[in-house]
């Protein structure tokens, strides 16, 4: 009886130990709970992330629908993680969104970036990464995004939606309707407390990155062959981009920069754009503008396009501390060394 009792005690102790580990406060490491049927989906990503989750960098994940990081939860994506959007479903229903109050931590490195791509490698085959913050936008508090009915906008310019470091994102830009498309990286009222650096956005069917208000800054941004605008901003974005390199080897693109809406004078520092096919470099709509220094443009047929006929006051567009003129070419040596993006490939 003593031996049996000892065995029972050992089994009970082992089981208690497992329960104790399972009840720790550490983030749950994959698989993701789908938020619908409370089932575990293994390497398929879809549904709601309602508690802190960390993906496994040794796995390749299949994004099979909308993955939504809810308020109060953090999704952590370690270096080397690969997420592949599934192609055999409606492309507009395949994207990652960080809701207001949610956080994403993309912790790539130069030797092991996080990769988000599609199974087919075709532009427009998924919706990309969308972040909704509580920053300030001209659309007001509680605005509704053109994609997914996502709510964004508040009064906190310093709002923090997490951090992104060393991310390669390709093939996004799914077509929603005749007026709307997803971008590679869509930043809706994202606050200055969010850290975004070392990001490459490739082969998108719409914009590479678009800022919808907010104050977030981006450092070290590489944009290649996005079919609409490489960088786009609207709704009073007043943040900053630093060390941006744009490459166009395709002809079906719109601009390197499109600025629209109220002019809150965002800052562009060290911006090099190269086109092998002509096209338009900079387009400013309505009264939008910017403070731009370190601008280098090469290969564009149209350098500066003022979209609204009759606009004569260009003082809101300051390039190299001088009011912009349509006659200037800004053809100088590259201000951004493309080799700093050698990690992309």
Protein backbone atom coordinates (compact mmCIF):
# COMPACT_ATOMS: atom_id res chain seq x y z
CA UNK A 1 0.00 0.00 0.00
CA UNK A 2 2.87 2.38 0.68
CA UNK A 3 4.24 1.91 -2.88
CA UNK A 4 0.81 2.52 -4.40
CA UNK A 5 0.40 5.65 -2.29
CA UNK A 6 3.77 6.95 -3.43
CA UNK A 7 2.83 6.39 -7.09
CA UNK A 8 -0.44 8.24 -6.61
CA UNK A 9 1.35 11.14 -4.96
CA UNK A 10 3.90 11.29 -7.80
CA UNK A 11 1.17 11.31 -10.44
CA UNK A 12 -0.77 13.98 -8.55
CA UNK A 13 2.36 16.12 -8.18
CA UNK A 14 3.21 15.84 -11.88
CA UNK A 15 -0.35 16.78 -12.87
CA UNK A 16 -0.36 19.73 -10.46
CA UNK A 17 2.92 20.92 -11.96
CA UNK A 18 1.43 20.88 -15.45
CA UNK A 19 -1.62 22.79 -14.28
CA UNK A 20 0.60 25.35 -12.57
CA UNK A 21 2.60 25.93 -15.77
CA UNK A 22 -0.61 26.15 -17.81
CA UNK A 23 -1.95 28.85 -15.51
CA UNK A 24 1.10 31.13 -15.73
CA UNK A 25 0.86 34.71 -16.96
CA UNK A 26 3.16 34.12 -19.93
CA UNK A 27 1.72 34.77 -23.41
CA UNK A 28 0.10 31.78 -25.03
CA UNK A 29 2.37 30.47 -27.78
CA UNK A 30 0.41 29.33 -30.80
CA UNK A 31 -1.89 27.89 -31.96
CA UNK A 32 -4.28 30.83 -32.33
CA UNK A 33 -7.80 30.63 -30.98
CA UNK A 34 -10.20 31.47 -33.78
CA UNK A 35 -12.63 33.39 -31.58
CA UNK A 36 -15.61 31.65 -33.17
CA UNK A 37 -15.80 28.03 -32.10
CA UNK A 38 -13.10 28.15 -29.43
CA UNK A 39 -11.06 25.64 -31.38
CA UNK A 40 -7.33 25.60 -32.06
CA UNK A 41 -6.35 26.06 -35.67
CA UNK A 42 -2.69 25.00 -35.72
CA UNK A 43 -0.91 26.85 -38.51
CA UNK A 44 -4.06 28.47 -39.91
CA UNK A 45 -4.49 32.08 -38.82
CA UNK A 46 -8.02 33.48 -38.72
CA UNK A 47 -10.41 34.95 -36.20
CA UNK A 48 -9.98 37.11 -33.09
CA UNK A 49 -6.90 37.40 -30.91
CA UNK A 50 -8.38 38.34 -27.54
CA UNK A 51 -5.41 37.52 -25.32
CA UNK A 52 -1.66 37.89 -25.78
CA UNK A 53 -0.33 35.47 -28.41
CA UNK A 54 3.15 34.70 -29.69
CA UNK A 55 3.68 32.89 -32.97
CA UNK A 56 6.25 30.15 -33.44
CA UNK A 57 9.07 31.34 -35.75
CA UNK A 58 9.82 27.79 -36.85
CA UNK A 59 6.42 27.52 -38.49
CA UNK A 60 5.00 28.84 -41.77
CA UNK A 61 1.47 30.10 -41.16
CA UNK A 62 -1.43 30.16 -43.59
CA UNK A 63 -3.59 33.28 -43.32
CA UNK A 64 -7.02 31.92 -44.24
CA UNK A 65 -9.24 34.89 -43.38
CA UNK A 66 -9.30 38.02 -41.24
CA UNK A 67 -6.97 37.87 -38.24
CA UNK A 68 -8.08 40.61 -35.83
CA UNK A 69 -6.02 41.67 -32.81
CA UNK A 70 -8.57 43.02 -30.35
CA UNK A 71 -8.30 45.80 -27.80
CA UNK A 72 -6.14 44.79 -24.83
CA UNK A 73 -4.38 41.96 -26.68
CA UNK A 74 -0.88 41.82 -28.17
CA UNK A 75 0.16 39.64 -31.10
CA UNK A 76 3.91 39.01 -31.08
CA UNK A 77 5.58 37.80 -34.27
CA UNK A 78 9.19 36.71 -33.72
CA UNK A 79 12.08 37.04 -36.16
CA UNK A 80 11.94 34.63 -39.09
CA UNK A 81 8.19 33.99 -38.92
CA UNK A 82 6.54 33.56 -42.32
CA UNK A 83 2.84 34.21 -42.95
CA UNK A 84 1.39 33.22 -46.35
CA UNK A 85 -2.04 34.51 -47.38
CA UNK A 86 -4.26 31.82 -48.84
CA UNK A 87 -5.43 32.43 -52.41
CA UNK A 88 -8.45 30.14 -52.76
CA UNK A 89 -10.83 32.54 -51.01
CA UNK A 90 -12.03 36.14 -51.43
CA UNK A 91 -8.87 38.27 -51.27
CA UNK A 92 -10.75 41.08 -49.53
CA UNK A 93 -11.42 38.76 -46.59
CA UNK A 94 -7.77 37.89 -46.01
CA UNK A 95 -5.83 40.46 -44.01
CA UNK A 96 -4.41 41.22 -40.57
CA UNK A 97 -5.91 44.07 -38.56
CA UNK A 98 -4.85 45.55 -35.24
CA UNK A 99 -7.94 47.18 -33.75
CA UNK A 100 -7.97 50.31 -31.58
CA UNK A 101 -6.37 49.40 -28.27
CA UNK A 102 -4.70 46.30 -29.70
CA UNK A 103 -0.97 45.89 -30.18
CA UNK A 104 1.32 44.13 -32.62
CA UNK A 105 5.01 43.40 -31.99
CA UNK A 106 6.86 42.39 -35.16
CA UNK A 107 10.36 41.52 -33.97
CA UNK A 108 12.27 40.72 -37.15
CA UNK A 109 16.00 41.14 -37.61
CA UNK A 110 18.18 41.93 -40.60
CA UNK A 111 19.14 38.27 -40.88
CA UNK A 112 15.63 36.95 -40.17
CA UNK A 113 12.91 39.44 -41.15
CA UNK A 114 9.25 38.63 -40.66
CA UNK A 115 7.67 37.87 -44.05
CA UNK A 116 4.04 38.39 -45.02
CA UNK A 117 3.23 37.33 -48.57
CA UNK A 118 0.70 35.43 -50.67
CA UNK A 119 0.69 31.86 -51.91
CA UNK A 120 0.45 32.91 -55.56
CA UNK A 121 2.90 35.81 -55.50
CA UNK A 122 0.35 37.88 -57.45
CA UNK A 123 -0.27 41.52 -56.58
CA UNK A 124 -3.67 42.18 -55.04
CA UNK A 125 -4.11 38.66 -53.74
CA UNK A 126 -4.70 39.70 -50.10
CA UNK A 127 -5.42 42.73 -47.95
CA UNK A 128 -2.13 43.38 -46.19
CA UNK A 129 -1.63 44.74 -42.67
CA UNK A 130 -4.07 47.31 -41.24
CA UNK A 131 -3.52 49.17 -37.97
CA UNK A 132 -6.23 51.32 -36.38
CA UNK A 133 -5.23 53.76 -33.68
CA UNK A 134 -6.55 56.48 -31.41
CA UNK A 135 -4.54 59.25 -33.03
CA UNK A 136 -5.97 62.42 -34.54
CA UNK A 137 -7.56 62.45 -37.98
CA UNK A 138 -9.64 65.03 -39.83
CA UNK A 139 -12.36 62.37 -39.98
CA UNK A 140 -12.87 62.80 -36.24
CA UNK A 141 -13.28 60.37 -33.37
CA UNK A 142 -14.68 56.95 -34.16
CA UNK A 143 -14.35 57.19 -37.93
CA UNK A 144 -15.04 54.14 -40.10
CA UNK A 145 -12.32 52.93 -42.46
CA UNK A 146 -13.04 52.16 -46.10
CA UNK A 147 -11.92 48.60 -45.41
CA UNK A 148 -13.64 46.12 -43.13
CA UNK A 149 -15.76 48.68 -41.25
CA UNK A 150 -12.77 49.22 -38.95
CA UNK A 151 -13.17 51.99 -36.35
CA UNK A 152 -10.31 54.45 -35.88
CA UNK A 153 -9.54 57.97 -34.73
CA UNK A 154 -9.37 59.65 -31.35
CA UNK A 155 -7.53 62.45 -29.57
CA UNK A 156 -4.25 60.80 -28.49
CA UNK A 157 -1.44 61.84 -30.82
CA UNK A 158 0.97 59.67 -28.80
CA UNK A 159 -1.15 56.52 -29.03
CA UNK A 160 0.86 53.29 -29.13
CA UNK A 161 -0.21 50.36 -31.33
CA UNK A 162 3.05 48.43 -30.86
CA UNK A 163 6.19 48.16 -32.96
CA UNK A 164 7.33 46.83 -36.32
CA UNK A 165 10.95 46.04 -37.11
CA UNK A 166 12.26 44.21 -40.19
CA UNK A 167 9.11 43.29 -42.06
CA UNK A 168 8.84 42.25 -45.72
CA UNK A 169 5.26 42.54 -46.98
CA UNK A 170 4.34 41.68 -50.55
CA UNK A 171 1.44 41.05 -52.97
CA UNK A 172 -1.23 43.03 -51.09
CA UNK A 173 -3.79 45.51 -52.46
CA UNK A 174 -6.95 43.44 -52.87
CA UNK A 175 -9.70 45.28 -54.79
CA UNK A 176 -12.76 46.04 -52.64
CA UNK A 177 -14.81 47.94 -55.20
CA UNK A 178 -14.29 50.44 -57.99
CA UNK A 179 -13.27 53.11 -55.47
CA UNK A 180 -11.41 51.25 -52.76
CA UNK A 181 -8.48 48.87 -52.37
CA UNK A 182 -6.35 47.63 -49.54
CA UNK A 183 -2.77 48.88 -49.31
CA UNK A 184 0.31 47.00 -48.25
CA UNK A 185 0.44 48.80 -44.89
CA UNK A 186 -2.61 50.88 -43.93
CA UNK A 187 -2.13 53.17 -40.93
CA UNK A 188 -5.42 54.61 -39.67
CA UNK A 189 -4.87 57.35 -37.06
CA UNK A 190 -1.81 55.52 -35.73
CA UNK A 191 -0.11 57.48 -32.97
CA UNK A 192 3.46 58.64 -32.53
CA UNK A 193 4.00 56.12 -29.74
CA UNK A 194 4.02 53.34 -32.34
CA UNK A 195 7.48 52.38 -33.63
CA UNK A 196 7.84 51.39 -37.29
CA UNK A 197 11.23 50.84 -38.88
CA UNK A 198 12.91 48.66 -41.50
CA UNK A 199 9.88 47.84 -43.62
CA UNK A 200 9.83 46.65 -47.25
CA UNK A 201 6.58 46.67 -49.22
CA UNK A 202 6.70 44.98 -52.62
CA UNK A 203 4.48 44.16 -55.58
CA UNK A 204 1.27 45.70 -54.25
CA UNK A 205 -1.78 46.39 -56.41
CA UNK A 206 -2.47 49.69 -54.62
CA UNK A 207 -0.37 51.93 -52.34
CA UNK A 208 2.67 50.68 -50.54
CA UNK A 209 1.91 52.55 -47.32
CA UNK A 210 -0.94 54.98 -46.68
CA UNK A 211 -1.36 57.24 -43.66
CA UNK A 212 -4.92 58.18 -42.72
CA UNK A 213 -4.24 60.91 -40.20
CA UNK A 214 -2.25 60.13 -37.08
CA UNK A 215 1.29 61.13 -36.15
CA UNK A 216 3.26 57.91 -36.56
CA UNK A 217 6.78 58.04 -38.01
CA UNK A 218 8.47 55.42 -40.21
CA UNK A 219 12.22 54.97 -40.60
CA UNK A 220 13.98 52.92 -43.30
CA UNK A 221 11.23 52.22 -45.80
CA UNK A 222 11.75 50.34 -49.06
CA UNK A 223 8.96 50.38 -51.67
CA UNK A 224 9.22 48.45 -54.93
CA UNK A 225 6.68 48.19 -57.76
CA UNK A 226 3.53 49.13 -55.91
CA UNK A 227 0.98 49.86 -58.63
CA UNK A 228 -0.65 52.98 -57.22
CA UNK A 229 1.35 55.29 -54.93
CA UNK A 230 4.46 54.21 -53.09
CA UNK A 231 3.67 56.59 -50.20
CA UNK A 232 0.24 58.15 -49.74
CA UNK A 233 -1.15 60.33 -46.98
CA UNK A 234 -4.45 62.04 -46.22
CA UNK A 235 -6.70 63.12 -43.33
CA UNK A 236 -4.09 65.42 -41.82
CA UNK A 237 -1.21 63.03 -41.16
CA UNK A 238 1.54 65.04 -39.45
CA UNK A 239 4.19 62.37 -38.92
CA UNK A 240 7.54 61.73 -40.55
CA UNK A 241 9.25 59.29 -42.91
CA UNK A 242 13.02 58.99 -42.93
CA UNK A 243 15.30 57.07 -45.31
CA UNK A 244 12.81 56.02 -47.97
CA UNK A 245 13.83 54.31 -51.20
CA UNK A 246 11.28 53.87 -54.00
CA UNK A 247 11.91 51.76 -57.09
CA UNK A 248 9.63 51.56 -60.14
CA UNK A 249 10.52 49.09 -62.86
CA UNK A 250 6.88 48.75 -63.93
CA UNK A 251 4.93 51.35 -65.91
CA UNK A 252 1.48 50.88 -64.34
CA UNK A 253 2.05 52.94 -61.22
CA UNK A 254 0.68 56.33 -60.16
CA UNK A 255 3.26 58.20 -58.08
CA UNK A 256 6.15 57.95 -55.68
CA UNK A 257 4.26 60.28 -53.30
CA UNK A 258 0.61 61.26 -53.31
CA UNK A 259 -0.48 63.84 -50.73
CA UNK A 260 -4.14 64.69 -50.23
CA UNK A 261 -6.35 66.70 -47.92
CA UNK A 262 -5.58 69.19 -45.16
CA UNK A 263 -1.94 70.21 -44.93
CA UNK A 264 -0.47 69.39 -41.53
CA UNK A 265 3.05 69.64 -42.93
CA UNK A 266 4.36 66.08 -42.45
CA UNK A 267 8.12 65.68 -42.73
CA UNK A 268 9.98 63.72 -45.39
CA UNK A 269 13.72 63.32 -44.83
CA UNK A 270 16.05 61.55 -47.26
CA UNK A 271 13.72 60.33 -49.97
CA UNK A 272 15.18 58.69 -53.09
CA UNK A 273 12.89 57.53 -55.89
CA UNK A 274 13.98 55.87 -59.13
CA UNK A 275 11.80 55.08 -62.14
CA UNK A 276 12.89 53.05 -65.13
CA UNK A 277 9.62 53.77 -66.95
CA UNK A 278 8.90 57.51 -66.54
CA UNK A 279 5.68 58.46 -64.75
CA UNK A 280 4.97 60.98 -61.99
CA UNK A 281 7.08 61.46 -58.89
CA UNK A 282 5.18 63.84 -56.58
CA UNK A 283 1.48 64.68 -56.61
CA UNK A 284 -0.19 67.15 -54.24
CA UNK A 285 -4.00 67.36 -54.09
CA UNK A 286 -6.18 70.05 -52.54
CA UNK A 287 -4.01 72.12 -50.18
CA UNK A 288 -1.78 69.26 -49.05
CA UNK A 289 1.92 69.83 -48.61
CA UNK A 290 5.00 68.71 -46.72
CA UNK A 291 8.49 69.67 -45.61
CA UNK A 292 10.90 67.62 -47.73
CA UNK A 293 14.69 67.52 -47.41
CA UNK A 294 17.18 65.18 -49.03
CA UNK A 295 15.03 64.59 -52.13
CA UNK A 296 16.50 62.67 -55.06
CA UNK A 297 14.37 61.83 -58.11
CA UNK A 298 15.52 59.96 -61.19
CA UNK A 299 13.75 58.87 -64.37
CA UNK A 300 10.33 60.51 -63.90
CA UNK A 301 8.66 62.40 -66.74
CA UNK A 302 6.63 64.57 -64.35
CA UNK A 303 8.37 65.66 -61.17
CA UNK A 304 5.67 67.76 -59.51
CA UNK A 305 1.97 67.41 -60.29
CA UNK A 306 -0.45 69.87 -58.73
CA UNK A 307 -3.67 67.93 -59.18
CA UNK A 308 -6.09 70.82 -58.68
CA UNK A 309 -6.10 73.25 -61.58
CA UNK A 310 -5.76 76.82 -60.47
CA UNK A 311 -3.77 76.21 -57.30
CA UNK A 312 -1.17 78.94 -57.26
CA UNK A 313 -0.04 78.95 -53.63
CA UNK A 314 2.64 76.31 -53.24
CA UNK A 315 4.15 77.66 -50.03
CA UNK A 316 2.87 74.60 -48.19
CA UNK A 317 5.23 72.43 -50.23
CA UNK A 318 8.73 73.13 -48.96
CA UNK A 319 11.53 71.20 -50.68
CA UNK A 320 15.09 71.81 -49.52
CA UNK A 321 13.84 74.88 -47.59
CA UNK A 322 12.46 76.46 -50.77
CA UNK A 323 8.89 76.64 -52.01
CA UNK A 324 8.42 73.94 -54.64
CA UNK A 325 8.19 74.81 -58.31
CA UNK A 326 6.99 72.56 -61.14
CA UNK A 327 10.13 73.42 -63.10
CA UNK A 328 12.56 71.89 -60.59
CA UNK A 329 13.91 68.40 -61.32
CA UNK A 330 15.52 67.40 -58.02
CA UNK A 331 17.89 65.19 -59.98
CA UNK A 332 20.76 64.82 -57.55
CA UNK A 333 22.78 61.88 -56.33
CA UNK A 334 20.81 59.34 -54.31
CA UNK A 335 20.27 60.52 -50.76
CA UNK A 336 19.48 57.01 -49.52
CA UNK A 337 21.92 54.16 -50.04
CA UNK A 338 19.87 51.22 -51.31
CA UNK A 339 22.36 48.81 -49.77
CA UNK A 340 20.84 49.47 -46.34
CA UNK A 341 17.96 47.35 -47.61
CA UNK A 342 20.10 44.36 -48.54
CA UNK A 343 18.16 42.38 -45.92
CA UNK A 344 15.02 42.51 -48.08
CA UNK A 345 16.10 39.75 -50.46
